[in-house]
Amino acid sequence: MKKLVAAFALALFPLLVPAQERALRAGTLSVEFPQEWNFRASAQRAEGHGPEGELVLVNFRVLHPGAPAEVVAQHWTVLRNFARDEMPGLAAGKDTQVIRAVTESPLQDARVEFSSVSKRLREGRDAYFLQYLLGSRRTIAYFTVEGFGDALQAAARFEKILATQRWQE
């Protein structure tokens, strides 16, 4: 009987304590988004919508645990080549002003983040396009964020969310 009561209490616990955040998992990476965000996810892609109309697309790839050293080296090459060769062109799309060019920021445990911030006029309103490429030994996660409003303010909001990142490798 005690086991049944304990199981029932554990099942009800999420209903009794309102969740403030929801985790988005992208391979070995998880990021805590505020509860107002809604996501649909598949095997290597997720799409999210934020409370201010933001659209977040996440594409990710994950290496199997114990991948050979040459596969891991290729993984890092792909990540860095994408950041160097593709992200700048995406940031500078048609009628777009790059506010922050693609920058690299090292993270703990040999992880890395590349990011850019762009703005443009869309439908007669200020709009933004943010890119974040997060990489670790096993995972590459590419986030794009689009919405209306000030690009730097949007970047500050989204970077607070990305600061919740946790890696399980």
N, C-alpha and C. Protein backbone atom coordinates (compact mmCIF):
# COMPACT_ATOMS: atom_id res chain seq x y z
N MET A 1 0.83 -1.19 0.00
CA MET A 1 0.00 0.00 0.00
C MET A 1 0.87 1.26 0.00
N LYS A 2 1.97 1.25 0.80
CA LYS A 2 2.86 2.41 0.84
C LYS A 2 3.45 2.70 -0.53
N LYS A 3 3.80 1.64 -1.27
CA LYS A 3 4.36 1.82 -2.61
C LYS A 3 3.33 2.45 -3.53
N LEU A 4 2.08 2.04 -3.40
CA LEU A 4 1.01 2.60 -4.24
C LEU A 4 0.81 4.08 -3.93
N VAL A 5 0.81 4.46 -2.68
CA VAL A 5 0.65 5.86 -2.27
C VAL A 5 1.84 6.68 -2.76
N ALA A 6 3.04 6.14 -2.62
CA ALA A 6 4.24 6.86 -3.08
C ALA A 6 4.20 7.05 -4.59
N ALA A 7 3.81 6.02 -5.33
CA ALA A 7 3.73 6.13 -6.79
C ALA A 7 2.68 7.15 -7.19
N PHE A 8 1.55 7.15 -6.50
CA PHE A 8 0.49 8.11 -6.78
C PHE A 8 0.95 9.54 -6.50
N ALA A 9 1.65 9.74 -5.40
CA ALA A 9 2.16 11.07 -5.04
C ALA A 9 3.18 11.55 -6.07
N LEU A 10 4.05 10.66 -6.51
CA LEU A 10 5.04 11.04 -7.53
C LEU A 10 4.36 11.37 -8.85
N ALA A 11 3.32 10.65 -9.18
CA ALA A 11 2.60 10.93 -10.43
C ALA A 11 1.90 12.28 -10.37
N LEU A 12 1.40 12.65 -9.20
CA LEU A 12 0.70 13.93 -9.05
C LEU A 12 1.64 15.11 -8.88
N PHE A 13 2.88 14.87 -8.48
CA PHE A 13 3.80 15.95 -8.15
C PHE A 13 3.90 16.99 -9.28
N PRO A 14 4.06 16.61 -10.54
CA PRO A 14 4.15 17.63 -11.58
C PRO A 14 2.87 18.47 -11.69
N LEU A 15 1.74 17.91 -11.33
CA LEU A 15 0.49 18.67 -11.38
C LEU A 15 0.38 19.65 -10.22
N LEU A 16 0.97 19.30 -9.09
CA LEU A 16 0.89 20.14 -7.90
C LEU A 16 1.90 21.28 -7.92
N VAL A 17 3.05 21.08 -8.54
CA VAL A 17 4.09 22.09 -8.61
C VAL A 17 4.18 22.56 -10.06
N PRO A 18 3.71 23.78 -10.35
CA PRO A 18 3.72 24.22 -11.74
C PRO A 18 5.14 24.32 -12.30
N ALA A 19 5.31 23.78 -13.47
CA ALA A 19 6.62 23.84 -14.13
C ALA A 19 6.87 25.25 -14.63
N GLN A 20 8.07 25.74 -14.42
CA GLN A 20 8.42 27.08 -14.86
C GLN A 20 9.20 27.03 -16.18
N GLU A 21 9.77 25.89 -16.48
CA GLU A 21 10.58 25.77 -17.69
C GLU A 21 10.33 24.42 -18.32
N ARG A 22 10.67 24.34 -19.61
CA ARG A 22 10.59 23.07 -20.31
C ARG A 22 11.89 22.86 -21.05
N ALA A 23 12.41 21.66 -20.96
CA ALA A 23 13.69 21.36 -21.57
C ALA A 23 13.51 20.97 -23.03
N LEU A 24 14.33 21.55 -23.87
CA LEU A 24 14.43 21.14 -25.26
C LEU A 24 15.70 20.32 -25.37
N ARG A 25 15.58 19.10 -25.85
CA ARG A 25 16.73 18.22 -25.99
C ARG A 25 17.16 18.16 -27.45
N ALA A 26 18.46 18.36 -27.65
CA ALA A 26 19.06 18.27 -28.98
C ALA A 26 20.31 17.41 -28.84
N GLY A 27 20.15 16.12 -28.98
CA GLY A 27 21.28 15.23 -28.77
C GLY A 27 21.70 15.21 -27.32
N THR A 28 22.97 15.50 -27.07
CA THR A 28 23.48 15.51 -25.70
C THR A 28 23.29 16.86 -25.02
N LEU A 29 22.65 17.79 -25.71
CA LEU A 29 22.42 19.15 -25.21
C LEU A 29 20.96 19.29 -24.77
N SER A 30 20.76 19.95 -23.63
CA SER A 30 19.40 20.36 -23.26
C SER A 30 19.44 21.83 -22.88
N VAL A 31 18.38 22.52 -23.26
CA VAL A 31 18.24 23.95 -22.98
C VAL A 31 16.87 24.16 -22.35
N GLU A 32 16.84 24.91 -21.26
CA GLU A 32 15.59 25.17 -20.54
C GLU A 32 14.90 26.41 -21.10
N PHE A 33 13.75 26.21 -21.71
CA PHE A 33 12.95 27.31 -22.23
C PHE A 33 11.83 27.64 -21.26
N PRO A 34 11.44 28.92 -21.17
CA PRO A 34 10.30 29.27 -20.32
C PRO A 34 9.04 28.50 -20.76
N GLN A 35 8.14 28.28 -19.83
CA GLN A 35 6.94 27.48 -20.07
C GLN A 35 6.10 27.99 -21.23
N GLU A 36 6.17 29.29 -21.53
CA GLU A 36 5.33 29.86 -22.60
C GLU A 36 5.73 29.40 -24.00
N TRP A 37 6.89 28.80 -24.12
CA TRP A 37 7.37 28.33 -25.41
C TRP A 37 6.73 26.98 -25.74
N ASN A 38 6.43 26.78 -27.02
CA ASN A 38 5.87 25.51 -27.49
C ASN A 38 6.80 24.93 -28.55
N PHE A 39 7.07 23.64 -28.45
CA PHE A 39 7.97 22.97 -29.38
C PHE A 39 7.35 21.72 -29.97
N ARG A 40 7.73 21.46 -31.20
CA ARG A 40 7.50 20.17 -31.86
C ARG A 40 8.87 19.67 -32.25
N ALA A 41 9.16 18.43 -31.94
CA ALA A 41 10.49 17.91 -32.22
C ALA A 41 10.41 16.58 -32.95
N SER A 42 11.42 16.33 -33.76
CA SER A 42 11.59 15.04 -34.41
C SER A 42 13.00 14.55 -34.12
N ALA A 43 13.46 13.58 -34.85
CA ALA A 43 14.75 12.94 -34.53
C ALA A 43 15.93 13.91 -34.55
N GLN A 44 15.99 14.84 -35.49
CA GLN A 44 17.14 15.74 -35.59
C GLN A 44 16.73 17.19 -35.82
N ARG A 45 15.50 17.53 -35.48
CA ARG A 45 15.01 18.88 -35.73
C ARG A 45 13.93 19.22 -34.71
N ALA A 46 13.87 20.50 -34.34
CA ALA A 46 12.80 20.99 -33.47
C ALA A 46 12.38 22.37 -33.96
N GLU A 47 11.11 22.67 -33.78
CA GLU A 47 10.57 23.98 -34.12
C GLU A 47 9.83 24.50 -32.90
N GLY A 48 10.15 25.75 -32.52
CA GLY A 48 9.53 26.33 -31.35
C GLY A 48 8.95 27.70 -31.64
N HIS A 49 7.92 28.04 -30.86
CA HIS A 49 7.29 29.36 -30.97
C HIS A 49 7.27 29.99 -29.59
N GLY A 50 7.76 31.23 -29.52
CA GLY A 50 7.84 31.93 -28.25
C GLY A 50 6.67 32.83 -27.99
N PRO A 51 6.60 33.40 -26.79
CA PRO A 51 5.47 34.23 -26.39
C PRO A 51 5.37 35.55 -27.15
N GLU A 52 6.47 35.98 -27.78
CA GLU A 52 6.43 37.23 -28.54
C GLU A 52 6.42 36.97 -30.04
N GLY A 53 5.98 35.78 -30.43
CA GLY A 53 5.89 35.44 -31.83
C GLY A 53 7.18 34.93 -32.45
N GLU A 54 8.20 34.71 -31.63
CA GLU A 54 9.48 34.22 -32.14
C GLU A 54 9.30 32.83 -32.74
N LEU A 55 10.10 32.57 -33.75
CA LEU A 55 10.19 31.24 -34.34
C LEU A 55 11.61 30.75 -34.16
N VAL A 56 11.77 29.59 -33.55
CA VAL A 56 13.09 28.99 -33.35
C VAL A 56 13.12 27.67 -34.10
N LEU A 57 14.13 27.52 -34.93
CA LEU A 57 14.37 26.24 -35.60
C LEU A 57 15.69 25.70 -35.09
N VAL A 58 15.71 24.42 -34.74
CA VAL A 58 16.92 23.78 -34.23
C VAL A 58 17.16 22.53 -35.07
N ASN A 59 18.34 22.47 -35.64
CA ASN A 59 18.79 21.28 -36.35
C ASN A 59 20.01 20.76 -35.62
N PHE A 60 20.07 19.45 -35.41
CA PHE A 60 21.21 18.92 -34.67
C PHE A 60 21.61 17.55 -35.18
N ARG A 61 22.87 17.24 -34.93
CA ARG A 61 23.46 15.95 -35.28
C ARG A 61 24.24 15.45 -34.08
N VAL A 62 24.22 14.14 -33.88
CA VAL A 62 24.87 13.56 -32.71
C VAL A 62 25.72 12.36 -33.14
N LEU A 63 26.95 12.34 -32.67
CA LEU A 63 27.81 11.18 -32.90
C LEU A 63 27.49 10.10 -31.87
N HIS A 64 27.69 8.86 -32.24
CA HIS A 64 27.52 7.76 -31.30
C HIS A 64 28.62 7.82 -30.24
N PRO A 65 28.31 7.39 -29.02
CA PRO A 65 29.35 7.34 -27.99
C PRO A 65 30.51 6.46 -28.47
N GLY A 66 31.70 6.88 -28.17
CA GLY A 66 32.87 6.10 -28.55
C GLY A 66 33.23 6.19 -30.01
N ALA A 67 32.78 7.23 -30.70
CA ALA A 67 33.12 7.39 -32.11
C ALA A 67 34.64 7.48 -32.26
N PRO A 68 35.18 6.91 -33.34
CA PRO A 68 36.64 6.95 -33.54
C PRO A 68 37.15 8.39 -33.62
N ALA A 69 38.41 8.57 -33.28
CA ALA A 69 39.03 9.90 -33.24
C ALA A 69 38.91 10.62 -34.58
N GLU A 70 39.05 9.89 -35.69
CA GLU A 70 38.97 10.55 -37.00
C GLU A 70 37.55 11.04 -37.30
N VAL A 71 36.55 10.35 -36.77
CA VAL A 71 35.16 10.79 -36.94
C VAL A 71 34.92 12.04 -36.11
N VAL A 72 35.44 12.06 -34.89
CA VAL A 72 35.31 13.24 -34.03
C VAL A 72 36.03 14.43 -34.67
N ALA A 73 37.21 14.21 -35.23
CA ALA A 73 37.95 15.29 -35.90
C ALA A 73 37.14 15.84 -37.07
N GLN A 74 36.52 14.96 -37.84
CA GLN A 74 35.68 15.40 -38.97
C GLN A 74 34.47 16.19 -38.47
N HIS A 75 33.92 15.75 -37.37
CA HIS A 75 32.78 16.43 -36.73
C HIS A 75 33.15 17.89 -36.43
N TRP A 76 34.35 18.10 -35.81
CA TRP A 76 34.80 19.47 -35.50
C TRP A 76 35.05 20.26 -36.78
N THR A 77 35.57 19.62 -37.81
CA THR A 77 35.81 20.30 -39.09
C THR A 77 34.50 20.77 -39.70
N VAL A 78 33.50 19.91 -39.70
CA VAL A 78 32.18 20.28 -40.23
C VAL A 78 31.61 21.47 -39.46
N LEU A 79 31.70 21.42 -38.14
CA LEU A 79 31.18 22.50 -37.30
C LEU A 79 31.87 23.83 -37.64
N ARG A 80 33.17 23.83 -37.64
CA ARG A 80 33.92 25.07 -37.89
C ARG A 80 33.75 25.57 -39.33
N ASN A 81 33.68 24.66 -40.29
CA ASN A 81 33.46 25.07 -41.68
C ASN A 81 32.09 25.70 -41.86
N PHE A 82 31.08 25.15 -41.21
CA PHE A 82 29.74 25.73 -41.30
C PHE A 82 29.75 27.13 -40.70
N ALA A 83 30.38 27.30 -39.54
CA ALA A 83 30.45 28.62 -38.91
C ALA A 83 31.20 29.61 -39.79
N ARG A 84 32.28 29.20 -40.40
CA ARG A 84 33.11 30.09 -41.21
C ARG A 84 32.51 30.36 -42.59
N ASP A 85 31.98 29.32 -43.24
CA ASP A 85 31.57 29.44 -44.64
C ASP A 85 30.09 29.73 -44.85
N GLU A 86 29.22 29.25 -43.99
CA GLU A 86 27.78 29.37 -44.22
C GLU A 86 27.10 30.45 -43.37
N MET A 87 27.44 30.49 -42.10
CA MET A 87 26.75 31.43 -41.20
C MET A 87 26.88 32.89 -41.62
N PRO A 88 28.05 33.37 -42.05
CA PRO A 88 28.14 34.78 -42.45
C PRO A 88 27.20 35.13 -43.61
N GLY A 89 27.08 34.24 -44.58
CA GLY A 89 26.18 34.49 -45.70
C GLY A 89 24.73 34.50 -45.28
N LEU A 90 24.36 33.62 -44.36
CA LEU A 90 23.00 33.60 -43.85
C LEU A 90 22.71 34.87 -43.04
N ALA A 91 23.69 35.32 -42.27
CA ALA A 91 23.52 36.53 -41.46
C ALA A 91 23.33 37.76 -42.33
N ALA A 92 23.97 37.78 -43.49
CA ALA A 92 23.95 38.97 -44.36
C ALA A 92 22.96 38.81 -45.51
N GLY A 93 21.88 38.11 -45.29
CA GLY A 93 20.88 37.91 -46.35
C GLY A 93 20.42 39.20 -46.99
N LYS A 94 19.60 39.07 -47.99
CA LYS A 94 19.11 40.22 -48.77
C LYS A 94 18.43 41.24 -47.85
N ASP A 95 18.79 42.50 -48.05
CA ASP A 95 18.21 43.63 -47.30
C ASP A 95 18.38 43.48 -45.78
N THR A 96 19.48 42.89 -45.38
CA THR A 96 19.74 42.62 -43.96
C THR A 96 20.99 43.36 -43.52
N GLN A 97 20.96 43.90 -42.31
CA GLN A 97 22.12 44.54 -41.72
C GLN A 97 22.66 43.65 -40.60
N VAL A 98 23.93 43.29 -40.70
CA VAL A 98 24.55 42.46 -39.67
C VAL A 98 24.93 43.37 -38.50
N ILE A 99 24.36 43.11 -37.36
CA ILE A 99 24.63 43.89 -36.14
C ILE A 99 25.85 43.31 -35.42
N ARG A 100 25.91 42.00 -35.34
CA ARG A 100 27.05 41.31 -34.74
C ARG A 100 27.45 40.19 -35.70
N ALA A 101 28.63 40.35 -36.29
CA ALA A 101 29.12 39.32 -37.21
C ALA A 101 29.32 38.01 -36.46
N VAL A 102 29.48 36.94 -37.18
CA VAL A 102 29.68 35.63 -36.56
C VAL A 102 30.89 35.70 -35.64
N THR A 103 30.64 35.38 -34.39
CA THR A 103 31.71 35.38 -33.39
C THR A 103 31.78 34.00 -32.75
N GLU A 104 32.97 33.65 -32.31
CA GLU A 104 33.19 32.37 -31.64
C GLU A 104 33.40 32.64 -30.16
N SER A 105 32.73 31.85 -29.34
CA SER A 105 32.89 31.93 -27.89
C SER A 105 33.16 30.54 -27.36
N PRO A 106 34.31 30.33 -26.72
CA PRO A 106 34.56 29.01 -26.14
C PRO A 106 33.65 28.79 -24.94
N LEU A 107 33.22 27.55 -24.78
CA LEU A 107 32.42 27.15 -23.64
C LEU A 107 33.24 26.17 -22.80
N GLN A 108 32.73 25.79 -21.66
CA GLN A 108 33.43 24.85 -20.79
C GLN A 108 33.59 23.49 -21.47
N ASP A 109 34.57 22.75 -21.05
CA ASP A 109 34.79 21.36 -21.47
C ASP A 109 34.96 21.21 -22.98
N ALA A 110 35.75 22.09 -23.58
CA ALA A 110 36.09 22.03 -25.01
C ALA A 110 34.86 22.14 -25.91
N ARG A 111 33.86 22.85 -25.46
CA ARG A 111 32.67 23.12 -26.28
C ARG A 111 32.80 24.51 -26.86
N VAL A 112 31.98 24.80 -27.88
CA VAL A 112 32.11 26.08 -28.55
C VAL A 112 30.73 26.61 -28.96
N GLU A 113 30.62 27.92 -29.07
CA GLU A 113 29.41 28.57 -29.55
C GLU A 113 29.81 29.61 -30.58
N PHE A 114 29.13 29.59 -31.71
CA PHE A 114 29.24 30.64 -32.71
C PHE A 114 27.89 31.33 -32.76
N SER A 115 27.89 32.66 -32.96
CA SER A 115 26.61 33.36 -33.02
C SER A 115 26.71 34.59 -33.90
N SER A 116 25.54 35.02 -34.37
CA SER A 116 25.44 36.28 -35.12
C SER A 116 24.07 36.89 -34.87
N VAL A 117 23.98 38.21 -35.09
CA VAL A 117 22.74 38.95 -34.91
C VAL A 117 22.57 39.84 -36.13
N SER A 118 21.39 39.76 -36.75
CA SER A 118 21.09 40.57 -37.93
C SER A 118 19.72 41.21 -37.77
N LYS A 119 19.53 42.32 -38.48
CA LYS A 119 18.22 42.95 -38.47
C LYS A 119 17.85 43.35 -39.90
N ARG A 120 16.56 43.51 -40.11
CA ARG A 120 16.05 43.97 -41.39
C ARG A 120 14.64 44.49 -41.20
N LEU A 121 14.12 45.08 -42.23
CA LEU A 121 12.74 45.53 -42.23
C LEU A 121 11.91 44.44 -42.89
N ARG A 122 10.86 44.01 -42.23
CA ARG A 122 9.97 42.99 -42.80
C ARG A 122 8.54 43.42 -42.51
N GLU A 123 7.75 43.45 -43.54
CA GLU A 123 6.36 43.89 -43.42
C GLU A 123 6.27 45.27 -42.78
N GLY A 124 7.26 46.13 -43.09
CA GLY A 124 7.29 47.49 -42.56
C GLY A 124 7.67 47.59 -41.10
N ARG A 125 8.17 46.51 -40.51
CA ARG A 125 8.53 46.50 -39.09
C ARG A 125 9.96 46.00 -38.94
N ASP A 126 10.59 46.40 -37.81
CA ASP A 126 11.91 45.87 -37.49
C ASP A 126 11.80 44.37 -37.23
N ALA A 127 12.69 43.63 -37.83
CA ALA A 127 12.72 42.18 -37.64
C ALA A 127 14.15 41.76 -37.36
N TYR A 128 14.32 40.57 -36.82
CA TYR A 128 15.66 40.09 -36.51
C TYR A 128 15.83 38.64 -36.97
N PHE A 129 17.10 38.29 -37.12
CA PHE A 129 17.51 36.92 -37.45
C PHE A 129 18.75 36.63 -36.62
N LEU A 130 18.64 35.66 -35.72
CA LEU A 130 19.73 35.28 -34.84
C LEU A 130 20.17 33.87 -35.21
N GLN A 131 21.47 33.62 -35.11
CA GLN A 131 22.01 32.28 -35.34
C GLN A 131 22.90 31.89 -34.17
N TYR A 132 22.78 30.65 -33.75
CA TYR A 132 23.64 30.11 -32.71
C TYR A 132 24.01 28.69 -33.11
N LEU A 133 25.29 28.42 -33.14
CA LEU A 133 25.79 27.09 -33.43
C LEU A 133 26.56 26.61 -32.21
N LEU A 134 26.04 25.59 -31.55
CA LEU A 134 26.68 25.05 -30.36
C LEU A 134 27.29 23.71 -30.71
N GLY A 135 28.51 23.49 -30.24
CA GLY A 135 29.17 22.25 -30.57
C GLY A 135 29.91 21.65 -29.40
N SER A 136 29.90 20.34 -29.37
CA SER A 136 30.65 19.58 -28.39
C SER A 136 31.30 18.41 -29.11
N ARG A 137 31.95 17.57 -28.37
CA ARG A 137 32.61 16.40 -28.95
C ARG A 137 31.62 15.49 -29.68
N ARG A 138 30.35 15.49 -29.26
CA ARG A 138 29.38 14.59 -29.86
C ARG A 138 28.21 15.26 -30.56
N THR A 139 27.94 16.53 -30.27
CA THR A 139 26.71 17.15 -30.78
C THR A 139 27.01 18.48 -31.47
N ILE A 140 26.31 18.70 -32.57
CA ILE A 140 26.25 20.01 -33.23
C ILE A 140 24.78 20.42 -33.20
N ALA A 141 24.49 21.59 -32.66
CA ALA A 141 23.12 22.10 -32.61
C ALA A 141 23.10 23.51 -33.20
N TYR A 142 22.32 23.68 -34.26
CA TYR A 142 22.22 24.97 -34.96
C TYR A 142 20.84 25.55 -34.72
N PHE A 143 20.81 26.71 -34.04
CA PHE A 143 19.56 27.41 -33.72
C PHE A 143 19.44 28.64 -34.61
N THR A 144 18.27 28.85 -35.20
CA THR A 144 17.96 30.14 -35.81
C THR A 144 16.72 30.68 -35.10
N VAL A 145 16.72 31.98 -34.89
CA VAL A 145 15.61 32.64 -34.20
C VAL A 145 15.19 33.82 -35.05
N GLU A 146 13.91 33.89 -35.37
CA GLU A 146 13.38 35.01 -36.15
C GLU A 146 12.17 35.59 -35.45
N GLY A 147 12.01 36.89 -35.58
CA GLY A 147 10.86 37.54 -34.99
C GLY A 147 10.87 39.03 -35.29
N PHE A 148 9.91 39.73 -34.71
CA PHE A 148 9.81 41.17 -34.88
C PHE A 148 10.28 41.86 -33.61
N GLY A 149 10.94 43.01 -33.78
CA GLY A 149 11.41 43.78 -32.65
C GLY A 149 12.87 44.12 -32.80
N ASP A 150 13.45 44.62 -31.72
CA ASP A 150 14.84 45.01 -31.71
C ASP A 150 15.75 43.78 -31.67
N ALA A 151 16.70 43.72 -32.60
CA ALA A 151 17.58 42.55 -32.73
C ALA A 151 18.44 42.33 -31.49
N LEU A 152 19.02 43.39 -30.95
CA LEU A 152 19.89 43.22 -29.79
C LEU A 152 19.12 42.81 -28.54
N GLN A 153 17.92 43.34 -28.38
CA GLN A 153 17.08 42.93 -27.24
C GLN A 153 16.67 41.47 -27.38
N ALA A 154 16.33 41.06 -28.60
CA ALA A 154 15.96 39.67 -28.84
C ALA A 154 17.15 38.76 -28.55
N ALA A 155 18.34 39.17 -28.99
CA ALA A 155 19.54 38.37 -28.74
C ALA A 155 19.78 38.24 -27.23
N ALA A 156 19.62 39.31 -26.50
CA ALA A 156 19.82 39.27 -25.05
C ALA A 156 18.83 38.30 -24.39
N ARG A 157 17.57 38.33 -24.83
CA ARG A 157 16.57 37.40 -24.28
C ARG A 157 16.94 35.95 -24.60
N PHE A 158 17.30 35.69 -25.86
CA PHE A 158 17.58 34.32 -26.25
C PHE A 158 18.87 33.81 -25.63
N GLU A 159 19.84 34.68 -25.46
CA GLU A 159 21.10 34.25 -24.86
C GLU A 159 20.93 33.91 -23.38
N LYS A 160 19.96 34.50 -22.72
CA LYS A 160 19.64 34.09 -21.35
C LYS A 160 19.11 32.66 -21.35
N ILE A 161 18.32 32.32 -22.34
CA ILE A 161 17.81 30.95 -22.46
C ILE A 161 18.97 30.00 -22.74
N LEU A 162 19.84 30.37 -23.70
CA LEU A 162 20.98 29.50 -24.03
C LEU A 162 21.93 29.32 -22.86
N ALA A 163 21.94 30.27 -21.94
CA ALA A 163 22.82 30.15 -20.77
C ALA A 163 22.40 29.00 -19.86
N THR A 164 21.20 28.46 -20.07
CA THR A 164 20.73 27.32 -19.27
C THR A 164 21.20 25.98 -19.84
N GLN A 165 21.98 26.01 -20.89
CA GLN A 165 22.39 24.77 -21.57
C GLN A 165 23.09 23.81 -20.62
N ARG A 166 22.77 22.54 -20.80
CA ARG A 166 23.40 21.46 -20.04
C ARG A 166 23.78 20.38 -21.06
N TRP A 167 24.93 19.83 -20.84
CA TRP A 167 25.44 18.78 -21.73
C TRP A 167 25.53 17.48 -20.96
N GLN A 168 25.11 16.40 -21.59
CA GLN A 168 25.17 15.07 -20.96
C GLN A 168 25.92 14.15 -21.92
N GLU A 169 27.24 14.15 -21.77
CA GLU A 169 28.06 13.36 -22.69
C GLU A 169 28.86 12.32 -21.95
